[in-house]
């Protein structure tokens, strides 16, 4: 049953993609323009261009996803949460909105909700490596919280201190760039 659901969701994604190919050339320029504005740090212009495009193409999941990224990078967290949440509801076959939603939820310390979103992304696409990596990060942060609570309640009897130190070291090393500039 789940393999049938997976095949159907993949087929639906392909149909959405095929439907978009007819207007792909015109849209590609808009996507490229908005992406370049965002990459160049012109978030306000990127936001305006994305919103203008979405006003004429309100069901376009790709530009709405880009809008969510712009909102997130612009510190408009509530708007980005709403954008990604709506995308997961309207296009549940797309794993990327779940992943981005999870990142925002985790940044707010809402680890259980972030975990749920990442598990949904993995159900949609079991090959989505980024979602697995982010889920591992969520589990590590949840473990650190649990070990911290154990120490607060009984530091003398707890064996959590070395575990907490190890998790903190792991999390700290994961935040450092692999190849420093």
Protein backbone atom coordinates (compact mmCIF):
# COMPACT_ATOMS: atom_id res chain seq x y z
CA UNK A 1 0.00 0.00 0.00
CA UNK A 2 2.75 2.46 0.90
CA UNK A 3 4.66 1.63 -2.29
CA UNK A 4 1.51 2.36 -4.29
CA UNK A 5 1.15 5.67 -2.45
CA UNK A 6 4.80 6.43 -3.18
CA UNK A 7 4.37 5.63 -6.89
CA UNK A 8 1.22 7.75 -7.06
CA UNK A 9 2.90 10.68 -5.33
CA UNK A 10 5.86 10.45 -7.73
CA UNK A 11 3.46 10.32 -10.67
CA UNK A 12 1.62 13.37 -9.38
CA UNK A 13 4.92 15.23 -9.03
CA UNK A 14 5.78 14.32 -12.63
CA UNK A 15 2.38 15.53 -13.84
CA UNK A 16 2.83 18.83 -12.03
CA UNK A 17 6.28 19.14 -13.58
CA UNK A 18 4.99 18.27 -17.06
CA UNK A 19 2.18 20.79 -16.76
CA UNK A 20 4.70 23.44 -15.88
CA UNK A 21 6.95 22.72 -18.85
CA UNK A 22 4.62 24.58 -21.19
CA UNK A 23 5.31 27.84 -19.43
CA UNK A 24 8.78 26.90 -18.24
CA UNK A 25 10.68 29.26 -20.54
CA UNK A 26 8.87 32.37 -19.35
CA UNK A 27 8.94 31.26 -15.74
CA UNK A 28 12.62 30.34 -15.87
CA UNK A 29 13.50 34.00 -16.38
CA UNK A 30 11.42 35.06 -13.38
CA UNK A 31 12.87 32.30 -11.19
CA UNK A 32 16.38 33.21 -12.31
CA UNK A 33 15.79 36.91 -11.69
CA UNK A 34 14.39 36.35 -8.22
CA UNK A 35 17.15 33.88 -7.35
CA UNK A 36 19.83 36.33 -8.51
CA UNK A 37 18.29 39.14 -6.46
CA UNK A 38 18.26 36.92 -3.39
CA UNK A 39 21.81 35.70 -3.98
CA UNK A 40 22.98 39.31 -4.38
CA UNK A 41 21.45 40.22 -1.02
CA UNK A 42 18.62 42.26 -2.53
CA UNK A 43 15.97 40.63 -0.40
CA UNK A 44 13.43 43.44 -0.63
CA UNK A 45 13.51 43.40 -4.43
CA UNK A 46 13.43 39.59 -4.49
CA UNK A 47 10.44 39.61 -2.15
CA UNK A 48 8.61 42.15 -4.33
CA UNK A 49 9.34 40.24 -7.53
CA UNK A 50 8.22 36.94 -5.99
CA UNK A 51 5.02 38.48 -4.62
CA UNK A 52 4.24 40.12 -7.97
CA UNK A 53 4.69 36.83 -9.78
CA UNK A 54 2.61 34.92 -7.23
CA UNK A 55 -0.19 37.48 -7.61
CA UNK A 56 -0.52 36.36 -11.24
CA UNK A 57 0.30 32.67 -10.60
CA UNK A 58 -0.99 31.96 -7.07
CA UNK A 59 -0.77 28.16 -7.37
CA UNK A 60 2.89 28.05 -8.45
CA UNK A 61 4.58 25.90 -5.78
CA UNK A 62 8.12 26.67 -6.93
CA UNK A 63 7.82 30.45 -6.60
CA UNK A 64 5.90 30.07 -3.36
CA UNK A 65 8.76 27.92 -2.06
CA UNK A 66 11.24 30.61 -3.12
CA UNK A 67 9.03 33.18 -1.37
CA UNK A 68 9.28 31.12 1.82
CA UNK A 69 13.07 31.08 1.51
CA UNK A 70 13.13 34.85 0.99
CA UNK A 71 10.87 35.37 4.00
CA UNK A 72 13.04 33.11 6.11
CA UNK A 73 16.26 34.83 5.10
CA UNK A 74 14.65 38.24 5.67
CA UNK A 75 13.73 37.40 9.26
CA UNK A 76 10.02 37.12 8.42
CA UNK A 77 9.79 33.84 10.31
CA UNK A 78 6.03 33.84 10.90
CA UNK A 79 5.38 34.52 7.21
CA UNK A 80 7.84 31.81 6.17
CA UNK A 81 6.22 29.33 8.58
CA UNK A 82 2.84 30.12 7.04
CA UNK A 83 4.18 29.81 3.49
CA UNK A 84 5.83 26.44 4.10
CA UNK A 85 2.86 25.14 6.10
CA UNK A 86 0.46 26.00 3.28
CA UNK A 87 2.77 24.35 0.76
CA UNK A 88 2.82 21.13 2.81
CA UNK A 89 -0.98 21.19 2.94
CA UNK A 90 -1.54 21.99 -0.73
CA UNK A 91 1.36 19.94 -2.13
CA UNK A 92 1.94 17.14 0.39
CA UNK A 93 3.93 15.22 -2.23
CA UNK A 94 6.79 17.77 -2.12
CA UNK A 95 9.39 17.04 0.59
CA UNK A 96 11.29 20.34 0.48
CA UNK A 97 8.62 22.50 2.16
CA UNK A 98 8.49 20.01 5.05
CA UNK A 99 12.26 20.26 5.43
CA UNK A 100 12.30 24.06 5.43
CA UNK A 101 9.37 24.14 7.83
CA UNK A 102 11.30 21.82 10.15
CA UNK A 103 14.37 24.07 10.09
CA UNK A 104 12.27 27.07 11.15
CA UNK A 105 10.49 25.08 13.86
CA UNK A 106 13.79 23.77 15.21
CA UNK A 107 15.18 27.31 15.36
CA UNK A 108 12.23 28.13 17.63
CA UNK A 109 12.99 25.13 19.83
CA UNK A 110 9.88 23.29 18.64
CA UNK A 111 11.76 20.04 18.14
CA UNK A 112 8.79 17.66 18.26
CA UNK A 113 7.04 19.57 15.47
CA UNK A 114 10.30 19.78 13.51
CA UNK A 115 10.74 16.02 13.87
CA UNK A 116 7.20 15.44 12.60
CA UNK A 117 7.83 17.63 9.56
CA UNK A 118 11.08 15.84 8.73
CA UNK A 119 9.45 12.44 9.12
CA UNK A 120 6.77 13.61 6.66
CA UNK A 121 9.48 14.69 4.20
CA UNK A 122 11.10 11.27 4.47
CA UNK A 123 7.76 9.50 3.98
CA UNK A 124 7.25 11.53 0.80
CA UNK A 125 10.79 10.91 -0.45
CA UNK A 126 12.71 8.14 1.34
CA UNK A 127 15.85 9.15 -0.62
CA UNK A 128 15.90 12.74 0.70
CA UNK A 129 19.30 12.78 2.43
CA UNK A 130 18.99 16.36 3.72
CA UNK A 131 15.87 15.45 5.68
CA UNK A 132 17.66 12.49 7.27
CA UNK A 133 20.60 14.69 8.23
CA UNK A 134 18.32 17.35 9.69
CA UNK A 135 16.38 14.67 11.57
CA UNK A 136 19.67 13.47 13.08
CA UNK A 137 20.40 17.04 14.19
CA UNK A 138 16.95 17.25 15.79
CA UNK A 139 17.51 13.99 17.67
CA UNK A 140 20.91 15.25 18.86
CA UNK A 141 19.37 18.49 20.15
CA UNK A 142 16.57 16.58 21.84
CA UNK A 143 19.15 14.28 23.44
CA UNK A 144 21.10 17.27 24.73
CA UNK A 145 17.94 18.67 26.29
CA UNK A 146 17.14 15.32 27.93
CA UNK A 147 20.66 14.90 29.32
CA UNK A 148 20.52 18.47 30.64
CA UNK A 149 17.23 17.75 32.40
CA UNK A 150 18.69 14.57 33.92
CA UNK A 151 21.64 16.53 35.32
CA UNK A 152 19.39 19.23 36.75
CA UNK A 153 17.38 16.66 38.63
CA UNK A 154 20.19 14.47 39.94
CA UNK A 155 23.72 15.49 38.98
CA UNK A 156 25.34 13.25 41.58
CA UNK A 157 23.70 10.02 40.42
CA UNK A 158 23.43 10.79 36.72
CA UNK A 159 25.74 9.44 34.04
CA UNK A 160 24.41 12.08 31.67
CA UNK A 161 27.31 14.55 32.02
CA UNK A 162 29.73 12.81 29.64
CA UNK A 163 26.91 12.11 27.20
CA UNK A 164 25.84 15.74 27.27
CA UNK A 165 29.43 16.85 26.71
CA UNK A 166 29.73 14.50 23.75
CA UNK A 167 26.49 15.73 22.18
CA UNK A 168 27.50 19.36 22.70
CA UNK A 169 30.86 18.66 21.07
CA UNK A 170 29.10 16.97 18.16
CA UNK A 171 26.68 19.86 17.70
CA UNK A 172 29.48 22.43 17.92
CA UNK A 173 31.61 20.62 15.34
CA UNK A 174 28.62 20.31 12.99
CA UNK A 175 28.22 24.10 13.00
CA UNK A 176 31.81 24.75 11.95
CA UNK A 177 32.55 24.86 8.22
CA UNK A 178 34.35 21.76 6.98
CA UNK A 179 36.86 23.84 4.99
CA UNK A 180 37.49 27.19 6.62
CA UNK A 181 37.94 30.05 4.12
